Amino acid sequence: MTKLKSGGREREEGSALLMALLAAALLAGLGLALAGLGSVETVIASNHRAAGQLVLAADAGVEAVLGELPPVSDWTDVLSGLVTSQLAGHAVPPVGPGEPPLTLAQLTMAIQTEFGRLGSWGSNTPQWRMFGHGWLRELVPAAAPDGDEFIATFVADDVGESDANPMADSNNRIQIAARASDSRGAHRTLLVTVEKTLGTSGIPGVRVLSWKELQ
């Protein structure tokens, strides 16, 4: 009788130990899952914040171009390349880890491709040309000195013209594209259509007609 009671006690103790091990494994797995979830949420928040910073950087690029256009009497000079931006700093755009180097010519082609998704206007299809490029900190002195946001601005004729010459402005309207990128390989592009204005005092200005982000 004593042996039977001892065997029953051992079985109970073994079952309790097994349950404890299973519970510990379950809690450990739950802990790892929660830690992984927290890590994913941190990455998502970081990416969202970085995307917002790129949009702001691209916006700064647009504002820089808007400030340089009023003194130009004929915007055909802007489209043809006769007039360029004062922002002409860093010449190699950053790319993501493991990605091949990107040239300014390839960056211009990328903008042409992005715009091409919006449609085609035959002989009046805008032809994009790089206007300026450089680090955000070269454009905005107050920007973080260790920031890696690179800005490239582009200009092209607007789609409302019908003169069959995308390198000439005949209606005082052009388009501006500003692309901001970073060393993570992320980028954001803003597309703006502007019109030349003349104030009551004869001072030239620029009016923004449309403003959107290219997706």
N, C-alpha and C. Protein backbone atom coordinates (compact mmCIF):
# COMPACT_ATOMS: atom_id res chain seq x y z
N MET A 1 0.81 -1.21 0.00
CA MET A 1 0.00 0.00 0.00
C MET A 1 0.85 1.26 0.00
N THR A 2 1.94 1.20 0.78
CA THR A 2 2.82 2.36 0.84
C THR A 2 3.45 2.65 -0.50
N LYS A 3 3.83 1.63 -1.26
CA LYS A 3 4.45 1.82 -2.58
C LYS A 3 3.46 2.45 -3.55
N LEU A 4 2.20 2.03 -3.45
CA LEU A 4 1.20 2.60 -4.35
C LEU A 4 1.00 4.09 -4.10
N LYS A 5 0.98 4.47 -2.82
CA LYS A 5 0.81 5.88 -2.49
C LYS A 5 2.01 6.70 -2.95
N SER A 6 3.20 6.13 -2.81
CA SER A 6 4.40 6.83 -3.25
C SER A 6 4.42 7.02 -4.76
N GLY A 7 4.03 6.02 -5.50
CA GLY A 7 3.98 6.11 -6.96
C GLY A 7 2.98 7.16 -7.41
N GLY A 8 1.83 7.24 -6.72
CA GLY A 8 0.83 8.24 -7.08
C GLY A 8 1.34 9.64 -6.83
N ARG A 9 2.08 9.82 -5.70
CA ARG A 9 2.62 11.13 -5.38
C ARG A 9 3.65 11.56 -6.43
N GLU A 10 4.48 10.61 -6.88
CA GLU A 10 5.49 10.92 -7.88
C GLU A 10 4.86 11.33 -9.21
N ARG A 11 3.76 10.61 -9.53
CA ARG A 11 3.08 10.96 -10.79
C ARG A 11 2.47 12.37 -10.70
N GLU A 12 1.91 12.69 -9.54
CA GLU A 12 1.35 14.02 -9.35
C GLU A 12 2.42 15.10 -9.43
N GLU A 13 3.58 14.83 -8.79
CA GLU A 13 4.67 15.79 -8.84
C GLU A 13 5.20 15.96 -10.26
N GLY A 14 5.27 14.85 -11.02
CA GLY A 14 5.74 14.91 -12.42
C GLY A 14 4.78 15.70 -13.29
N SER A 15 3.48 15.52 -13.06
CA SER A 15 2.49 16.26 -13.83
C SER A 15 2.55 17.75 -13.52
N ALA A 16 2.75 18.05 -12.23
CA ALA A 16 2.84 19.46 -11.84
C ALA A 16 4.07 20.11 -12.46
N LEU A 17 5.20 19.39 -12.50
CA LEU A 17 6.42 19.92 -13.10
C LEU A 17 6.23 20.16 -14.59
N LEU A 18 5.57 19.20 -15.26
CA LEU A 18 5.32 19.35 -16.69
C LEU A 18 4.43 20.56 -16.98
N MET A 19 3.38 20.75 -16.15
CA MET A 19 2.51 21.90 -16.33
C MET A 19 3.26 23.21 -16.11
N ALA A 20 4.16 23.20 -15.10
CA ALA A 20 4.95 24.39 -14.83
C ALA A 20 5.86 24.73 -16.00
N LEU A 21 6.47 23.70 -16.59
CA LEU A 21 7.34 23.92 -17.74
C LEU A 21 6.56 24.44 -18.94
N LEU A 22 5.37 23.85 -19.16
CA LEU A 22 4.54 24.30 -20.27
C LEU A 22 4.10 25.75 -20.06
N ALA A 23 3.73 26.09 -18.83
CA ALA A 23 3.32 27.46 -18.53
C ALA A 23 4.48 28.43 -18.73
N ALA A 24 5.69 28.02 -18.30
CA ALA A 24 6.86 28.88 -18.47
C ALA A 24 7.17 29.10 -19.95
N ALA A 25 7.05 28.01 -20.75
CA ALA A 25 7.30 28.13 -22.18
C ALA A 25 6.27 29.05 -22.84
N LEU A 26 5.01 28.91 -22.40
CA LEU A 26 3.95 29.75 -22.96
C LEU A 26 4.19 31.22 -22.63
N LEU A 27 4.57 31.49 -21.38
CA LEU A 27 4.84 32.87 -20.99
C LEU A 27 6.05 33.44 -21.71
N ALA A 28 7.07 32.59 -21.91
CA ALA A 28 8.26 33.05 -22.63
C ALA A 28 7.91 33.39 -24.08
N GLY A 29 7.10 32.53 -24.71
CA GLY A 29 6.69 32.79 -26.08
C GLY A 29 5.85 34.05 -26.18
N LEU A 30 4.96 34.25 -25.19
CA LEU A 30 4.14 35.45 -25.18
C LEU A 30 5.00 36.70 -25.01
N GLY A 31 6.01 36.58 -24.15
CA GLY A 31 6.92 37.71 -23.94
C GLY A 31 7.67 38.06 -25.20
N LEU A 32 8.15 37.05 -25.91
CA LEU A 32 8.87 37.29 -27.16
C LEU A 32 7.96 37.93 -28.20
N ALA A 33 6.70 37.45 -28.25
CA ALA A 33 5.75 38.01 -29.22
C ALA A 33 5.47 39.48 -28.92
N LEU A 34 5.29 39.80 -27.63
CA LEU A 34 5.04 41.19 -27.26
C LEU A 34 6.24 42.07 -27.54
N ALA A 35 7.44 41.51 -27.29
CA ALA A 35 8.65 42.28 -27.58
C ALA A 35 8.79 42.53 -29.07
N GLY A 36 8.47 41.50 -29.87
CA GLY A 36 8.52 41.66 -31.32
C GLY A 36 7.51 42.67 -31.81
N LEU A 37 6.32 42.66 -31.21
CA LEU A 37 5.28 43.62 -31.59
C LEU A 37 5.72 45.04 -31.27
N GLY A 38 6.34 45.19 -30.10
CA GLY A 38 6.83 46.51 -29.73
C GLY A 38 7.91 47.00 -30.68
N SER A 39 8.76 46.07 -31.13
CA SER A 39 9.82 46.43 -32.08
C SER A 39 9.24 46.85 -33.42
N VAL A 40 8.22 46.11 -33.88
CA VAL A 40 7.58 46.45 -35.16
C VAL A 40 6.92 47.82 -35.07
N GLU A 41 6.23 48.08 -33.95
CA GLU A 41 5.58 49.37 -33.78
C GLU A 41 6.60 50.51 -33.75
N THR A 42 7.74 50.24 -33.15
CA THR A 42 8.81 51.25 -33.12
C THR A 42 9.31 51.55 -34.52
N VAL A 43 9.50 50.49 -35.32
CA VAL A 43 9.96 50.67 -36.70
C VAL A 43 8.94 51.44 -37.52
N ILE A 44 7.65 51.09 -37.35
CA ILE A 44 6.59 51.78 -38.09
C ILE A 44 6.56 53.26 -37.72
N ALA A 45 6.66 53.54 -36.43
CA ALA A 45 6.65 54.94 -35.98
C ALA A 45 7.86 55.69 -36.53
N SER A 46 9.01 55.01 -36.53
CA SER A 46 10.23 55.64 -37.05
C SER A 46 10.11 55.93 -38.54
N ASN A 47 9.56 54.96 -39.30
CA ASN A 47 9.39 55.16 -40.74
C ASN A 47 8.39 56.28 -41.03
N HIS A 48 7.32 56.33 -40.23
CA HIS A 48 6.32 57.39 -40.42
C HIS A 48 6.93 58.75 -40.17
N ARG A 49 7.73 58.85 -39.11
CA ARG A 49 8.37 60.12 -38.79
C ARG A 49 9.36 60.52 -39.88
N ALA A 50 10.13 59.53 -40.39
CA ALA A 50 11.10 59.82 -41.45
C ALA A 50 10.39 60.26 -42.73
N ALA A 51 9.25 59.63 -43.04
CA ALA A 51 8.49 60.01 -44.23
C ALA A 51 8.00 61.45 -44.11
N GLY A 52 7.54 61.82 -42.91
CA GLY A 52 7.10 63.19 -42.70
C GLY A 52 8.23 64.19 -42.86
N GLN A 53 9.42 63.81 -42.41
CA GLN A 53 10.58 64.69 -42.55
C GLN A 53 10.95 64.86 -44.02
N LEU A 54 10.79 63.79 -44.81
CA LEU A 54 11.11 63.89 -46.24
C LEU A 54 10.13 64.80 -46.96
N VAL A 55 8.86 64.73 -46.57
CA VAL A 55 7.87 65.63 -47.19
C VAL A 55 8.21 67.08 -46.86
N LEU A 56 8.60 67.33 -45.62
CA LEU A 56 8.98 68.69 -45.23
C LEU A 56 10.24 69.14 -45.99
N ALA A 57 11.17 68.21 -46.20
CA ALA A 57 12.39 68.54 -46.95
C ALA A 57 12.05 68.87 -48.39
N ALA A 58 11.16 68.07 -49.00
CA ALA A 58 10.74 68.35 -50.38
C ALA A 58 10.01 69.69 -50.45
N ASP A 59 9.22 69.98 -49.43
CA ASP A 59 8.52 71.27 -49.38
C ASP A 59 9.51 72.43 -49.33
N ALA A 60 10.60 72.23 -48.59
CA ALA A 60 11.64 73.27 -48.53
C ALA A 60 12.27 73.47 -49.90
N GLY A 61 12.42 72.37 -50.65
CA GLY A 61 12.95 72.48 -52.01
C GLY A 61 12.03 73.28 -52.91
N VAL A 62 10.72 73.05 -52.80
CA VAL A 62 9.75 73.81 -53.60
C VAL A 62 9.82 75.29 -53.25
N GLU A 63 9.86 75.58 -51.95
CA GLU A 63 9.89 76.97 -51.51
C GLU A 63 11.15 77.68 -52.03
N ALA A 64 12.26 76.94 -52.09
CA ALA A 64 13.50 77.54 -52.60
C ALA A 64 13.35 77.93 -54.07
N VAL A 65 12.72 77.06 -54.85
CA VAL A 65 12.51 77.37 -56.28
C VAL A 65 11.56 78.56 -56.43
N LEU A 66 10.51 78.58 -55.61
CA LEU A 66 9.55 79.69 -55.68
C LEU A 66 10.24 81.02 -55.40
N GLY A 67 11.24 80.99 -54.54
CA GLY A 67 11.95 82.22 -54.23
C GLY A 67 12.90 82.66 -55.32
N GLU A 68 13.28 81.74 -56.22
CA GLU A 68 14.23 82.07 -57.28
C GLU A 68 13.57 82.42 -58.60
N LEU A 69 12.28 82.13 -58.75
CA LEU A 69 11.60 82.37 -60.03
C LEU A 69 11.23 83.83 -60.31
N PRO A 70 10.78 84.61 -59.34
CA PRO A 70 10.31 85.98 -59.66
C PRO A 70 11.27 86.85 -60.45
N PRO A 71 12.59 86.84 -60.17
CA PRO A 71 13.48 87.71 -60.94
C PRO A 71 13.68 87.30 -62.40
N VAL A 72 13.25 86.07 -62.75
CA VAL A 72 13.46 85.58 -64.12
C VAL A 72 12.33 86.11 -65.01
N SER A 73 12.68 86.93 -65.98
CA SER A 73 11.66 87.57 -66.81
C SER A 73 11.00 86.58 -67.77
N ASP A 74 11.75 85.63 -68.27
CA ASP A 74 11.22 84.66 -69.23
C ASP A 74 11.49 83.25 -68.70
N TRP A 75 10.44 82.54 -68.35
CA TRP A 75 10.61 81.21 -67.76
C TRP A 75 11.08 80.17 -68.77
N THR A 76 11.13 80.53 -70.03
CA THR A 76 11.74 79.64 -71.01
C THR A 76 13.22 79.42 -70.66
N ASP A 77 13.84 80.45 -70.11
CA ASP A 77 15.24 80.31 -69.70
C ASP A 77 15.40 79.28 -68.58
N VAL A 78 14.37 79.12 -67.77
CA VAL A 78 14.38 78.12 -66.70
C VAL A 78 14.23 76.72 -67.29
N LEU A 79 13.31 76.60 -68.24
CA LEU A 79 13.05 75.30 -68.86
C LEU A 79 14.24 74.83 -69.71
N SER A 80 14.92 75.76 -70.34
CA SER A 80 16.02 75.39 -71.24
C SER A 80 17.33 75.14 -70.50
N GLY A 81 17.41 75.58 -69.25
CA GLY A 81 18.65 75.39 -68.49
C GLY A 81 19.55 76.61 -68.46
N LEU A 82 19.11 77.66 -69.10
CA LEU A 82 19.91 78.90 -69.09
C LEU A 82 19.98 79.48 -67.68
N VAL A 83 18.89 79.30 -66.92
CA VAL A 83 18.84 79.73 -65.52
C VAL A 83 18.75 78.50 -64.65
N THR A 84 19.64 78.40 -63.68
CA THR A 84 19.64 77.27 -62.75
C THR A 84 19.58 77.77 -61.31
N SER A 85 19.39 76.85 -60.39
CA SER A 85 19.25 77.20 -58.99
C SER A 85 20.60 77.50 -58.34
N GLN A 86 20.54 78.27 -57.27
CA GLN A 86 21.73 78.51 -56.47
C GLN A 86 22.08 77.29 -55.64
N LEU A 87 21.11 76.38 -55.47
CA LEU A 87 21.38 75.14 -54.75
C LEU A 87 22.03 74.15 -55.71
N ALA A 88 23.34 74.04 -55.63
CA ALA A 88 24.09 73.15 -56.51
C ALA A 88 25.25 72.55 -55.71
N GLY A 89 24.89 71.83 -54.65
CA GLY A 89 25.91 71.29 -53.75
C GLY A 89 26.26 69.85 -54.03
N HIS A 90 25.87 68.97 -53.11
CA HIS A 90 26.23 67.56 -53.20
C HIS A 90 25.72 66.97 -54.51
N ALA A 91 26.58 66.25 -55.20
CA ALA A 91 26.24 65.78 -56.55
C ALA A 91 25.85 64.31 -56.63
N VAL A 92 25.92 63.57 -55.52
CA VAL A 92 25.59 62.15 -55.54
C VAL A 92 24.43 61.88 -54.59
N PRO A 93 23.24 61.58 -55.10
CA PRO A 93 22.10 61.33 -54.23
C PRO A 93 22.33 60.10 -53.36
N PRO A 94 21.85 60.09 -52.13
CA PRO A 94 22.00 58.91 -51.28
C PRO A 94 21.09 57.78 -51.75
N VAL A 95 21.51 56.56 -51.51
CA VAL A 95 20.71 55.39 -51.85
C VAL A 95 20.61 54.49 -50.63
N GLY A 96 19.69 53.54 -50.67
CA GLY A 96 19.50 52.64 -49.56
C GLY A 96 20.61 51.62 -49.45
N PRO A 97 20.70 50.92 -48.32
CA PRO A 97 21.75 49.90 -48.12
C PRO A 97 21.73 48.84 -49.21
N GLY A 98 22.88 48.59 -49.81
CA GLY A 98 22.99 47.57 -50.85
C GLY A 98 22.54 47.99 -52.23
N GLU A 99 22.03 49.20 -52.37
CA GLU A 99 21.57 49.68 -53.67
C GLU A 99 22.74 50.27 -54.46
N PRO A 100 22.71 50.17 -55.79
CA PRO A 100 23.80 50.74 -56.60
C PRO A 100 23.76 52.26 -56.57
N PRO A 101 24.88 52.92 -56.82
CA PRO A 101 24.92 54.39 -56.84
C PRO A 101 23.91 54.96 -57.84
N LEU A 102 23.42 56.14 -57.54
CA LEU A 102 22.43 56.80 -58.39
C LEU A 102 23.00 58.12 -58.88
N THR A 103 23.00 58.32 -60.19
CA THR A 103 23.50 59.56 -60.76
C THR A 103 22.37 60.58 -60.86
N LEU A 104 22.75 61.84 -61.07
CA LEU A 104 21.74 62.88 -61.23
C LEU A 104 20.92 62.66 -62.49
N ALA A 105 21.54 62.13 -63.54
CA ALA A 105 20.80 61.84 -64.78
C ALA A 105 19.76 60.75 -64.53
N GLN A 106 20.13 59.73 -63.76
CA GLN A 106 19.17 58.67 -63.44
C GLN A 106 18.04 59.20 -62.56
N LEU A 107 18.37 60.12 -61.69
CA LEU A 107 17.36 60.73 -60.83
C LEU A 107 16.36 61.53 -61.66
N THR A 108 16.86 62.24 -62.66
CA THR A 108 15.98 62.98 -63.56
C THR A 108 15.07 62.04 -64.34
N MET A 109 15.61 60.92 -64.78
CA MET A 109 14.80 59.92 -65.49
C MET A 109 13.73 59.35 -64.57
N ALA A 110 14.06 59.19 -63.28
CA ALA A 110 13.08 58.67 -62.33
C ALA A 110 11.90 59.64 -62.19
N ILE A 111 12.20 60.94 -62.17
CA ILE A 111 11.13 61.94 -62.09
C ILE A 111 10.27 61.91 -63.35
N GLN A 112 10.93 61.77 -64.50
CA GLN A 112 10.19 61.69 -65.77
C GLN A 112 9.26 60.48 -65.76
N THR A 113 9.74 59.36 -65.22
CA THR A 113 8.92 58.15 -65.14
C THR A 113 7.76 58.33 -64.18
N GLU A 114 8.02 58.93 -63.01
CA GLU A 114 6.95 59.16 -62.04
C GLU A 114 5.87 60.05 -62.64
N PHE A 115 6.29 61.11 -63.34
CA PHE A 115 5.32 62.01 -63.95
C PHE A 115 4.58 61.31 -65.08
N GLY A 116 5.28 60.44 -65.80
CA GLY A 116 4.66 59.74 -66.92
C GLY A 116 3.46 58.90 -66.51
N ARG A 117 3.39 58.51 -65.25
CA ARG A 117 2.25 57.72 -64.79
C ARG A 117 0.97 58.55 -64.75
N LEU A 118 1.12 59.87 -64.79
CA LEU A 118 -0.06 60.74 -64.76
C LEU A 118 -0.73 60.86 -66.12
N GLY A 119 0.00 60.52 -67.18
CA GLY A 119 -0.58 60.60 -68.52
C GLY A 119 0.42 61.05 -69.56
N SER A 120 -0.05 61.15 -70.80
CA SER A 120 0.79 61.60 -71.90
C SER A 120 0.05 62.69 -72.67
N TRP A 121 0.79 63.70 -73.09
CA TRP A 121 0.19 64.83 -73.81
C TRP A 121 0.85 64.99 -75.19
N GLY A 122 1.31 63.91 -75.77
CA GLY A 122 1.90 63.93 -77.09
C GLY A 122 3.11 64.83 -77.16
N SER A 123 3.16 65.70 -78.16
CA SER A 123 4.30 66.59 -78.34
C SER A 123 4.38 67.66 -77.25
N ASN A 124 3.32 67.77 -76.43
CA ASN A 124 3.33 68.74 -75.34
C ASN A 124 3.66 68.09 -73.99
N THR A 125 4.02 66.81 -74.02
CA THR A 125 4.38 66.13 -72.77
C THR A 125 5.58 66.81 -72.14
N PRO A 126 5.48 67.26 -70.89
CA PRO A 126 6.58 67.97 -70.24
C PRO A 126 7.86 67.13 -70.19
N GLN A 127 8.99 67.77 -70.40
CA GLN A 127 10.30 67.14 -70.31
C GLN A 127 11.03 67.73 -69.10
N TRP A 128 11.23 66.90 -68.10
CA TRP A 128 11.78 67.40 -66.85
C TRP A 128 13.28 67.63 -66.92
N ARG A 129 13.72 68.72 -66.31
CA ARG A 129 15.14 69.07 -66.24
C ARG A 129 15.49 69.41 -64.80
N MET A 130 16.67 68.93 -64.35
CA MET A 130 17.07 69.24 -62.99
C MET A 130 17.40 70.73 -62.86
N PHE A 131 16.88 71.32 -61.79
CA PHE A 131 17.08 72.75 -61.55
C PHE A 131 18.13 72.99 -60.46
N GLY A 132 18.07 72.21 -59.38
CA GLY A 132 19.03 72.35 -58.29
C GLY A 132 19.11 71.07 -57.48
N HIS A 133 20.15 70.92 -56.67
CA HIS A 133 20.31 69.71 -55.86
C HIS A 133 21.29 69.97 -54.73
N GLY A 134 21.12 69.26 -53.63
CA GLY A 134 22.01 69.40 -52.49
C GLY A 134 21.38 68.88 -51.22
N TRP A 135 22.14 68.88 -50.13
CA TRP A 135 21.63 68.46 -48.83
C TRP A 135 20.64 69.49 -48.30
N LEU A 136 19.70 69.04 -47.50
CA LEU A 136 18.75 69.95 -46.88
C LEU A 136 19.48 70.99 -46.02
N ARG A 137 20.55 70.56 -45.34
CA ARG A 137 21.29 71.50 -44.48
C ARG A 137 22.00 72.58 -45.29
N GLU A 138 22.21 72.34 -46.60
CA GLU A 138 22.79 73.39 -47.45
C GLU A 138 21.74 74.42 -47.82
N LEU A 139 20.48 73.99 -47.79
CA LEU A 139 19.38 74.88 -48.16
C LEU A 139 18.80 75.57 -46.93
N VAL A 140 18.72 74.82 -45.84
CA VAL A 140 18.14 75.34 -44.60
C VAL A 140 19.20 75.25 -43.50
N PRO A 141 19.86 76.36 -43.19
CA PRO A 141 20.93 76.33 -42.18
C PRO A 141 20.46 75.80 -40.83
N ALA A 142 19.18 75.95 -40.52
CA ALA A 142 18.67 75.52 -39.22
C ALA A 142 18.42 74.01 -39.16
N ALA A 143 18.55 73.32 -40.29
CA ALA A 143 18.33 71.87 -40.31
C ALA A 143 19.42 71.15 -39.52
N ALA A 144 19.12 69.93 -39.09
CA ALA A 144 20.08 69.16 -38.31
C ALA A 144 21.37 68.97 -39.11
N PRO A 145 22.52 69.30 -38.52
CA PRO A 145 23.79 69.20 -39.26
C PRO A 145 24.16 67.79 -39.67
N ASP A 146 23.61 66.79 -38.95
CA ASP A 146 23.92 65.41 -39.29
C ASP A 146 22.78 64.75 -40.09
N GLY A 147 21.82 65.55 -40.54
CA GLY A 147 20.71 65.01 -41.33
C GLY A 147 21.18 64.52 -42.69
N ASP A 148 20.50 63.50 -43.22
CA ASP A 148 20.92 62.94 -44.51
C ASP A 148 19.87 63.15 -45.60
N GLU A 149 19.00 64.15 -45.42
CA GLU A 149 17.98 64.42 -46.44
C GLU A 149 18.61 65.14 -47.63
N PHE A 150 18.45 64.55 -48.80
CA PHE A 150 18.98 65.12 -50.04
C PHE A 150 17.81 65.63 -50.86
N ILE A 151 17.95 66.85 -51.39
CA ILE A 151 16.87 67.46 -52.17
C ILE A 151 17.32 67.67 -53.60
N ALA A 152 16.46 67.30 -54.54
CA ALA A 152 16.68 67.59 -55.96
C ALA A 152 15.41 68.25 -56.48
N THR A 153 15.57 69.40 -57.14
CA THR A 153 14.41 70.10 -57.70
C THR A 153 14.48 70.06 -59.22
N PHE A 154 13.30 70.01 -59.83
CA PHE A 154 13.19 69.87 -61.29
C PHE A 154 12.13 70.84 -61.81
N VAL A 155 12.25 71.20 -63.07
CA VAL A 155 11.28 72.10 -63.70
C VAL A 155 10.86 71.51 -65.04
N ALA A 156 9.64 71.84 -65.43
CA ALA A 156 9.11 71.39 -66.72
C ALA A 156 7.95 72.29 -67.11
N ASP A 157 7.61 72.28 -68.38
CA ASP A 157 6.47 73.05 -68.87
C ASP A 157 5.19 72.48 -68.29
N ASP A 158 4.15 73.31 -68.20
CA ASP A 158 2.89 72.79 -67.68
C ASP A 158 2.13 72.06 -68.78
N VAL A 159 1.14 71.27 -68.38
CA VAL A 159 0.42 70.43 -69.34
C VAL A 159 -0.70 71.19 -70.05
N GLY A 160 -0.90 72.46 -69.68
CA GLY A 160 -1.98 73.22 -70.30
C GLY A 160 -1.60 73.90 -71.60
N GLU A 161 -0.33 73.85 -71.96
CA GLU A 161 0.10 74.50 -73.21
C GLU A 161 -0.13 73.58 -74.42
N SER A 162 -0.23 74.20 -75.57
CA SER A 162 -0.45 73.42 -76.80
C SER A 162 0.46 73.93 -77.92
N ASP A 163 1.67 74.39 -77.54
CA ASP A 163 2.58 74.93 -78.55
C ASP A 163 3.53 73.88 -79.12
N ALA A 164 3.36 72.62 -78.66
CA ALA A 164 4.18 71.49 -79.15
C ALA A 164 5.67 71.71 -78.88
N ASN A 165 5.99 72.52 -77.90
CA ASN A 165 7.39 72.76 -77.55
C ASN A 165 7.53 72.74 -76.02
N PRO A 166 7.83 71.58 -75.44
CA PRO A 166 7.91 71.47 -73.97
C PRO A 166 9.10 72.20 -73.36
N MET A 167 9.99 72.74 -74.20
CA MET A 167 11.15 73.47 -73.68
C MET A 167 10.95 74.98 -73.72
N ALA A 168 9.72 75.41 -74.05
CA ALA A 168 9.42 76.84 -74.11
C ALA A 168 8.15 77.13 -73.31
N ASP A 169 8.15 78.24 -72.59
CA ASP A 169 6.99 78.65 -71.82
C ASP A 169 6.27 79.76 -72.56
N SER A 170 5.02 79.51 -72.88
CA SER A 170 4.26 80.52 -73.64
C SER A 170 3.05 81.04 -72.88
N ASN A 171 2.81 80.54 -71.68
CA ASN A 171 1.64 81.00 -70.92
C ASN A 171 1.97 81.39 -69.47
N ASN A 172 3.26 81.59 -69.20
CA ASN A 172 3.70 82.00 -67.86
C ASN A 172 3.32 81.00 -66.77
N ARG A 173 3.31 79.74 -67.15
CA ARG A 173 3.05 78.68 -66.17
C ARG A 173 4.07 77.55 -66.37
N ILE A 174 4.61 77.05 -65.27
CA ILE A 174 5.51 75.91 -65.33
C ILE A 174 5.23 74.99 -64.14
N GLN A 175 5.86 73.84 -64.16
CA GLN A 175 5.73 72.89 -63.06
C GLN A 175 7.06 72.76 -62.32
N ILE A 176 6.96 72.49 -61.03
CA ILE A 176 8.12 72.25 -60.20
C ILE A 176 7.95 70.89 -59.52
N ALA A 177 8.99 70.09 -59.52
CA ALA A 177 9.00 68.84 -58.76
C ALA A 177 10.17 68.89 -57.79
N ALA A 178 9.92 68.50 -56.55
CA ALA A 178 10.98 68.45 -55.55
C ALA A 178 10.99 67.05 -54.94
N ARG A 179 12.13 66.40 -55.03
CA ARG A 179 12.27 65.03 -54.52
C ARG A 179 13.27 65.02 -53.38
N ALA A 180 12.83 64.56 -52.22
CA ALA A 180 13.70 64.44 -51.06
C ALA A 180 13.94 62.95 -50.79
N SER A 181 15.18 62.57 -50.56
CA SER A 181 15.53 61.17 -50.31
C SER A 181 16.52 61.09 -49.16
N ASP A 182 16.70 59.88 -48.62
CA ASP A 182 17.67 59.70 -47.54
C ASP A 182 18.43 58.40 -47.73
N SER A 183 19.34 58.12 -46.80
CA SER A 183 20.21 56.96 -46.92
C SER A 183 19.50 55.64 -46.63
N ARG A 184 18.23 55.69 -46.23
CA ARG A 184 17.46 54.46 -46.06
C ARG A 184 16.87 53.99 -47.38
N GLY A 185 16.97 54.83 -48.40
CA GLY A 185 16.38 54.50 -49.69
C GLY A 185 14.97 55.02 -49.85
N ALA A 186 14.46 55.73 -48.84
CA ALA A 186 13.11 56.29 -48.91
C ALA A 186 13.14 57.63 -49.63
N HIS A 187 12.02 57.99 -50.23
CA HIS A 187 11.93 59.30 -50.89
C HIS A 187 10.49 59.75 -50.99
N ARG A 188 10.31 61.05 -51.11
CA ARG A 188 9.00 61.66 -51.32
C ARG A 188 9.14 62.75 -52.37
N THR A 189 8.13 62.88 -53.24
CA THR A 189 8.19 63.84 -54.33
C THR A 189 6.93 64.72 -54.33
N LEU A 190 7.13 66.01 -54.39
CA LEU A 190 6.02 66.97 -54.48
C LEU A 190 5.98 67.54 -55.89
N LEU A 191 4.78 67.72 -56.41
CA LEU A 191 4.57 68.29 -57.74
C LEU A 191 3.73 69.56 -57.60
N VAL A 192 4.25 70.66 -58.13
CA VAL A 192 3.60 71.96 -57.98
C VAL A 192 3.51 72.65 -59.34
N THR A 193 2.36 73.24 -59.63
CA THR A 193 2.19 74.06 -60.82
C THR A 193 2.09 75.51 -60.38
N VAL A 194 2.87 76.37 -61.01
CA VAL A 194 2.90 77.78 -60.60
C VAL A 194 2.66 78.70 -61.80
N GLU A 195 2.26 79.92 -61.49
CA GLU A 195 1.96 80.92 -62.51
C GLU A 195 2.66 82.22 -62.16
N LYS A 196 3.18 82.90 -63.17
CA LYS A 196 3.84 84.19 -62.96
C LYS A 196 2.78 85.27 -62.73
N THR A 197 3.04 86.14 -61.77
CA THR A 197 2.11 87.22 -61.47
C THR A 197 2.86 88.56 -61.47
N LEU A 198 2.09 89.61 -61.51
CA LEU A 198 2.66 90.96 -61.45
C LEU A 198 1.81 91.79 -60.51
N GLY A 199 2.41 92.22 -59.40
CA GLY A 199 1.66 92.98 -58.41
C GLY A 199 1.29 94.37 -58.89
N THR A 200 0.46 95.06 -58.12
CA THR A 200 0.01 96.40 -58.49
C THR A 200 1.18 97.39 -58.57
N SER A 201 2.23 97.10 -57.83
CA SER A 201 3.40 97.99 -57.87
C SER A 201 4.41 97.56 -58.92
N GLY A 202 4.03 96.56 -59.73
CA GLY A 202 4.91 96.10 -60.79
C GLY A 202 5.96 95.10 -60.34
N ILE A 203 5.84 94.62 -59.10
CA ILE A 203 6.79 93.63 -58.59
C ILE A 203 6.36 92.23 -59.00
N PRO A 204 7.24 91.49 -59.70
CA PRO A 204 6.87 90.15 -60.14
C PRO A 204 6.75 89.19 -58.97
N GLY A 205 5.87 88.23 -59.11
CA GLY A 205 5.67 87.22 -58.06
C GLY A 205 5.28 85.89 -58.67
N VAL A 206 4.95 84.94 -57.82
CA VAL A 206 4.58 83.59 -58.25
C VAL A 206 3.34 83.15 -57.48
N ARG A 207 2.36 82.62 -58.21
CA ARG A 207 1.15 82.08 -57.58
C ARG A 207 1.14 80.56 -57.75
N VAL A 208 0.87 79.84 -56.66
CA VAL A 208 0.78 78.37 -56.71
C VAL A 208 -0.63 77.99 -57.14
N LEU A 209 -0.72 77.23 -58.23
CA LEU A 209 -2.02 76.80 -58.75
C LEU A 209 -2.42 75.42 -58.26
N SER A 210 -1.46 74.54 -58.07
CA SER A 210 -1.74 73.19 -57.56
C SER A 210 -0.52 72.67 -56.82
N TRP A 211 -0.77 71.78 -55.88
CA TRP A 211 0.29 71.27 -55.02
C TRP A 211 -0.10 69.87 -54.56
N LYS A 212 0.66 68.87 -54.90
CA LYS A 212 0.31 67.51 -54.48
C LYS A 212 1.57 66.64 -54.40
N GLU A 213 1.40 65.51 -53.75
CA GLU A 213 2.50 64.55 -53.63
C GLU A 213 2.32 63.46 -54.66
N LEU A 214 3.37 63.14 -55.39
CA LEU A 214 3.34 62.05 -56.35
C LEU A 214 3.41 60.72 -55.61
N GLN A 215 2.56 59.79 -55.98
CA GLN A 215 2.55 58.48 -55.32
C GLN A 215 3.12 57.41 -56.25
